[in-house]
C-alpha cells in the first residue's frame, strides 16, 4: 500500500515542524510506503526554508503567492501517485498510526469516499467539529446567546459517538480518501479561497452515493488557533465562502 499526505502552509512556522515530525515518526517503518508533500503558499516567515533545512525527505512545492487552501491541495493531488491520500493541516499532529489505520480501512471499503478520525485538543479532550452540513441555523444562529445548543447538535456532541459512524460533513483539517477517487473529483472546488471548501467536497461526495465516515478509535490533535470571526478579514472571507456555498447548495435553514 502506498500512502501520501499533503500539507498546505502559509506562514505556519510555529506549528508545521511539530506536524511534520509527528507524521514522519508515526509512518516510519510501517507495512506501507509513505510520502509527504508540502505546498507552501508564498510564506514570508521562513516556513519553506525550515522545511528545506530540516526535512529533506519531504517533497516541498514552493509558490510565490497565496492561492488558498483548496488550490494548494489540488496542486498536490495532481502530483501524487498512491493508493490513499491524506489532507493534513499544518497545525495537526499525531501520536499513533492514524494514517495507516484509516488508509487500510478506506482501501477495504469501496463505499467510503472520505474518512476522518476523532480530532482532539492539545489536552486530549475532544474537539467537537461539525458532522452535519452547514445550514443557516448551525453556522449563523448558533453564534447568538441562547442558541449555543445548536452548535452541540451541529457537532453531534451529545451523542458520544464511539463507533464508526456515517456523517454528512468531513472536516478539512485531517481526512483520508482513495487517491484515484479524489483525483476524479478534481479535489476541492476552486471557487473557495478558504472556508467551506470541505463542506462543498462533502456534499459532492455524498451526492455521488459515497459515504463519509467518522472513525473515533483513531485520533489526531488539532492545535487550532484560527478564529474565523476574530478579525474583519477572516469574517469577510468566511461570509464570502458561505455565500458561495449556499448559492450552490441552497439556503437551508
Protein backbone atom coordinates (compact mmCIF):
# COMPACT_ATOMS: atom_id res chain seq x y z
CA UNK A 1 0.00 0.00 0.00
CA UNK A 2 1.23 3.44 -0.92
CA UNK A 3 0.01 6.41 1.09
CA UNK A 4 0.67 10.09 0.53
CA UNK A 5 -0.03 13.08 2.71
CA UNK A 6 -0.40 16.70 1.71
CA UNK A 7 0.04 19.83 3.81
CA UNK A 8 -0.69 23.35 2.57
CA UNK A 9 1.03 26.07 4.53
CA UNK A 10 1.13 29.84 4.67
CA UNK A 11 3.25 31.35 7.46
CA UNK A 12 2.81 28.34 9.74
CA UNK A 13 6.35 28.15 11.07
CA UNK A 14 5.08 27.90 14.67
CA UNK A 15 3.19 24.64 14.12
CA UNK A 16 4.41 22.89 10.98
CA UNK A 17 7.64 21.46 12.41
CA UNK A 18 5.75 19.54 15.07
CA UNK A 19 3.22 18.43 12.46
CA UNK A 20 5.81 17.06 10.04
CA UNK A 21 7.88 15.39 12.76
CA UNK A 22 4.86 13.56 14.13
CA UNK A 23 3.62 12.42 10.73
CA UNK A 24 7.03 11.14 9.67
CA UNK A 25 7.59 9.42 13.01
CA UNK A 26 4.24 7.63 13.10
CA UNK A 27 4.50 6.44 9.47
CA UNK A 28 8.11 5.26 9.67
CA UNK A 29 8.82 1.53 9.44
CA UNK A 30 5.22 0.54 8.82
CA UNK A 31 3.88 -2.03 6.34
CA UNK A 32 3.13 0.66 3.76
CA UNK A 33 5.11 3.27 1.85
CA UNK A 34 4.51 6.87 2.84
CA UNK A 35 5.47 10.14 1.17
CA UNK A 36 4.74 13.63 2.44
CA UNK A 37 4.18 16.68 0.24
CA UNK A 38 4.10 20.28 1.44
CA UNK A 39 2.79 23.11 -0.71
CA UNK A 40 3.99 26.50 0.51
CA UNK A 41 1.74 29.39 -0.49
CA UNK A 42 4.48 32.02 -0.55
CA UNK A 43 5.24 32.10 3.18
CA UNK A 44 7.36 35.02 4.36
CA UNK A 45 8.06 33.74 7.88
CA UNK A 46 10.70 31.16 6.97
CA UNK A 47 8.37 28.16 6.79
CA UNK A 48 9.70 26.90 3.46
CA UNK A 49 13.31 27.42 4.49
CA UNK A 50 12.74 25.47 7.71
CA UNK A 51 11.31 22.53 5.75
CA UNK A 52 14.22 22.56 3.30
CA UNK A 53 16.72 22.63 6.16
CA UNK A 54 15.18 20.02 8.48
CA UNK A 55 13.12 17.69 6.30
CA UNK A 56 14.98 16.64 3.18
CA UNK A 57 12.60 13.70 2.70
CA UNK A 58 9.59 15.99 2.34
CA UNK A 59 8.60 16.92 -1.19
CA UNK A 60 8.34 20.71 -0.97
CA UNK A 61 6.48 22.70 -3.61
CA UNK A 62 7.04 26.44 -3.37
CA UNK A 63 4.69 29.05 -4.78
CA UNK A 64 5.26 32.79 -4.93
CA UNK A 65 1.90 33.91 -3.53
CA UNK A 66 -1.05 32.63 -1.52
CA UNK A 67 -3.53 30.88 -3.80
CA UNK A 68 -5.59 29.47 -0.96
CA UNK A 69 -6.17 26.22 0.89
CA UNK A 70 -8.02 24.28 -1.78
CA UNK A 71 -5.80 25.38 -4.66
CA UNK A 72 -2.71 24.28 -2.76
CA UNK A 73 -4.11 20.86 -2.00
CA UNK A 74 -5.28 20.44 -5.58
CA UNK A 75 -1.74 21.11 -6.78
CA UNK A 76 -0.52 18.31 -4.50
CA UNK A 77 -3.28 15.92 -5.55
CA UNK A 78 -2.29 16.31 -9.20
CA UNK A 79 1.26 15.23 -8.36
CA UNK A 80 0.73 12.25 -6.07
CA UNK A 81 0.70 8.60 -7.11
CA UNK A 82 -0.61 6.44 -4.28
CA UNK A 83 -3.46 4.26 -3.12
CA UNK A 84 -4.64 6.56 -0.35
CA UNK A 85 -4.10 10.28 0.13
CA UNK A 86 -4.47 12.38 3.29
CA UNK A 87 -5.23 16.07 3.58
CA UNK A 88 -3.44 17.37 6.68
CA UNK A 89 -3.48 20.82 8.26
CA UNK A 90 -0.11 22.29 9.36
CA UNK A 91 -1.48 22.59 12.91
CA UNK A 92 -2.23 18.85 13.16
CA UNK A 93 -0.03 16.33 14.94
CA UNK A 94 -0.43 12.62 15.70
CA UNK A 95 0.94 10.16 18.25
CA UNK A 96 -0.37 6.91 16.75
CA UNK A 97 -0.57 5.28 13.33
CA UNK A 98 -3.79 7.09 12.45
CA UNK A 99 -2.74 7.35 8.81
CA UNK A 100 -2.12 3.64 8.38
CA UNK A 101 -5.26 2.58 10.22
CA UNK A 102 -7.56 4.87 8.25
CA UNK A 103 -5.76 4.12 4.99
CA UNK A 104 -6.31 0.38 5.34
CA UNK A 105 -9.96 0.88 6.19
CA UNK A 106 -10.58 3.05 3.13
CA UNK A 107 -8.95 0.53 0.80
CA UNK A 108 -11.07 -2.31 2.15
CA UNK A 109 -14.36 -0.43 1.88
CA UNK A 110 -15.18 0.75 -1.63
CA UNK A 111 -18.23 2.69 -0.50
CA UNK A 112 -16.16 5.14 1.58
CA UNK A 113 -15.43 8.47 -0.06
CA UNK A 114 -13.84 10.31 2.88
CA UNK A 115 -12.78 9.24 6.37
CA UNK A 116 -11.77 11.36 9.35
CA UNK A 117 -10.59 10.40 12.86
CA UNK A 118 -11.52 11.83 16.21
CA UNK A 119 -9.98 15.30 16.47
CA UNK A 120 -8.51 16.24 19.84
CA UNK A 121 -7.38 19.40 21.59
CA UNK A 122 -3.84 19.59 22.93
CA UNK A 123 -5.07 18.47 26.36
CA UNK A 124 -6.64 15.32 24.91
CA UNK A 125 -10.26 16.45 25.12
CA UNK A 126 -12.34 16.05 22.02
CA UNK A 127 -12.55 18.97 19.62
CA UNK A 128 -16.16 18.72 18.56
CA UNK A 129 -16.25 19.60 14.89
CA UNK A 130 -19.33 19.74 12.64
CA UNK A 131 -20.75 16.44 11.48
CA UNK A 132 -23.74 17.85 9.62
CA UNK A 133 -23.51 20.09 6.56
CA UNK A 134 -23.78 23.84 7.18
CA UNK A 135 -27.19 25.44 7.50
CA UNK A 136 -28.19 28.97 8.45
CA UNK A 137 -29.12 27.93 11.99
CA UNK A 138 -25.94 25.93 12.51
CA UNK A 139 -23.38 28.47 11.26
CA UNK A 140 -25.11 31.78 11.99
CA UNK A 141 -27.89 31.49 14.55
CA UNK A 142 -25.78 29.21 16.77
CA UNK A 143 -23.39 32.14 17.32
CA UNK A 144 -26.00 34.11 19.27
CA UNK A 145 -26.62 33.85 23.03
CA UNK A 146 -29.33 31.35 23.85
CA UNK A 147 -28.71 29.24 20.76
CA UNK A 148 -25.46 27.50 21.73
CA UNK A 149 -27.38 24.22 21.83
CA UNK A 150 -27.43 24.32 18.02
CA UNK A 151 -23.65 24.03 17.98
CA UNK A 152 -23.87 20.85 20.03
CA UNK A 153 -26.44 19.48 17.61
CA UNK A 154 -24.27 20.54 14.65
CA UNK A 155 -21.30 18.60 16.02
CA UNK A 156 -23.42 15.71 17.43
CA UNK A 157 -21.58 16.34 20.68
CA UNK A 158 -24.23 14.91 22.97
CA UNK A 159 -24.35 11.59 21.11
CA UNK A 160 -20.99 10.45 22.48
CA UNK A 161 -20.12 8.65 19.27
CA UNK A 162 -17.73 5.77 19.95
CA UNK A 163 -18.26 3.54 16.90
CA UNK A 164 -17.51 4.09 13.22
CA UNK A 165 -20.39 6.32 12.14
CA UNK A 166 -21.58 7.82 8.87
CA UNK A 167 -21.64 11.63 8.95
CA UNK A 168 -22.60 14.37 6.49
CA UNK A 169 -19.58 16.62 6.80
CA UNK A 170 -15.85 15.82 6.75
CA UNK A 171 -13.52 18.39 8.28
CA UNK A 172 -10.74 19.64 6.03
CA UNK A 173 -8.19 19.65 8.85
CA UNK A 174 -7.48 15.90 8.53
CA UNK A 175 -9.05 13.26 6.31
CA UNK A 176 -8.18 10.37 4.06
CA UNK A 177 -9.51 9.24 0.70
CA UNK A 178 -8.64 6.92 -2.16
CA UNK A 179 -6.21 8.80 -4.35
CA UNK A 180 -7.85 7.79 -7.62
CA UNK A 181 -11.19 8.94 -6.23
CA UNK A 182 -10.06 12.40 -5.15
CA UNK A 183 -8.31 12.79 -8.49
CA UNK A 184 -11.55 12.02 -10.31
CA UNK A 185 -13.31 14.57 -8.12
CA UNK A 186 -10.53 17.06 -9.02
CA UNK A 187 -10.05 17.81 -5.37
CA UNK A 188 -11.57 20.93 -3.87
CA UNK A 189 -13.64 23.44 -5.78
CA UNK A 190 -11.57 26.44 -6.87
CA UNK A 191 -14.48 28.75 -6.01
CA UNK A 192 -13.34 28.86 -2.38
CA UNK A 193 -10.15 30.56 -1.25
CA UNK A 194 -10.60 29.43 2.35
CA UNK A 195 -13.55 28.10 4.39
CA UNK A 196 -16.42 25.90 3.17
CA UNK A 197 -14.30 24.03 0.62
CA UNK A 198 -14.56 20.96 2.86
CA UNK A 199 -18.34 21.41 3.14
CA UNK A 200 -18.61 21.61 -0.63
CA UNK A 201 -16.46 18.50 -1.12
CA UNK A 202 -18.55 16.62 1.44
CA UNK A 203 -21.74 17.46 -0.45
CA UNK A 204 -20.23 16.39 -3.76
CA UNK A 205 -19.04 13.09 -2.30
CA UNK A 206 -22.44 12.28 -0.78
CA UNK A 207 -24.27 13.35 -3.94
CA UNK A 208 -22.32 10.65 -5.75
CA UNK A 209 -23.52 7.99 -3.32
CA UNK A 210 -20.27 7.63 -1.37
CA UNK A 211 -20.20 7.68 2.42
CA UNK A 212 -18.26 9.89 4.82
CA UNK A 213 -17.11 8.15 7.98
CA UNK A 214 -16.14 9.35 11.42
CA UNK A 215 -13.59 6.84 12.78
CA UNK A 216 -13.31 7.60 16.50
CA UNK A 217 -10.86 4.88 17.57
CA UNK A 218 -8.05 6.71 15.75
CA UNK A 219 -7.17 10.30 16.57
CA UNK A 220 -5.27 13.41 15.55
CA UNK A 221 -4.51 16.50 17.62
CA UNK A 222 -5.50 19.87 16.21
CA UNK A 223 -3.59 22.83 17.60
CA UNK A 224 -6.38 25.09 16.43
CA UNK A 225 -5.72 28.81 16.89
CA UNK A 226 -7.63 30.26 13.97
CA UNK A 227 -10.89 32.03 14.67
CA UNK A 228 -12.83 32.93 11.56
CA UNK A 229 -14.75 35.58 13.49
CA UNK A 230 -11.71 37.03 15.21
CA UNK A 231 -10.87 39.71 12.66
CA UNK A 232 -12.55 41.59 9.83
CA UNK A 233 -10.54 39.91 7.08
CA UNK A 234 -11.42 36.47 8.40
CA UNK A 235 -15.10 37.34 8.76
CA UNK A 236 -15.27 38.63 5.17
CA UNK A 237 -13.56 35.52 3.79
CA UNK A 238 -15.85 33.26 5.79
CA UNK A 239 -19.03 35.05 4.72
CA UNK A 240 -17.97 35.11 1.06
CA UNK A 241 -17.35 31.37 1.11
CA UNK A 242 -20.60 30.76 2.94
CA UNK A 243 -22.45 32.78 0.29
CA UNK A 244 -20.87 30.71 -2.50
CA UNK A 245 -21.81 27.52 -0.66
CA UNK A 246 -25.45 28.45 -0.02
CA UNK A 247 -25.94 29.74 -3.56
CA UNK A 248 -24.75 26.39 -4.87
CA UNK A 249 -26.43 24.01 -2.42
CA UNK A 250 -29.46 26.01 -1.30
CA UNK A 251 -30.36 28.23 1.65
CA UNK A 252 -31.24 25.50 4.12
CA UNK A 253 -32.43 26.76 7.49
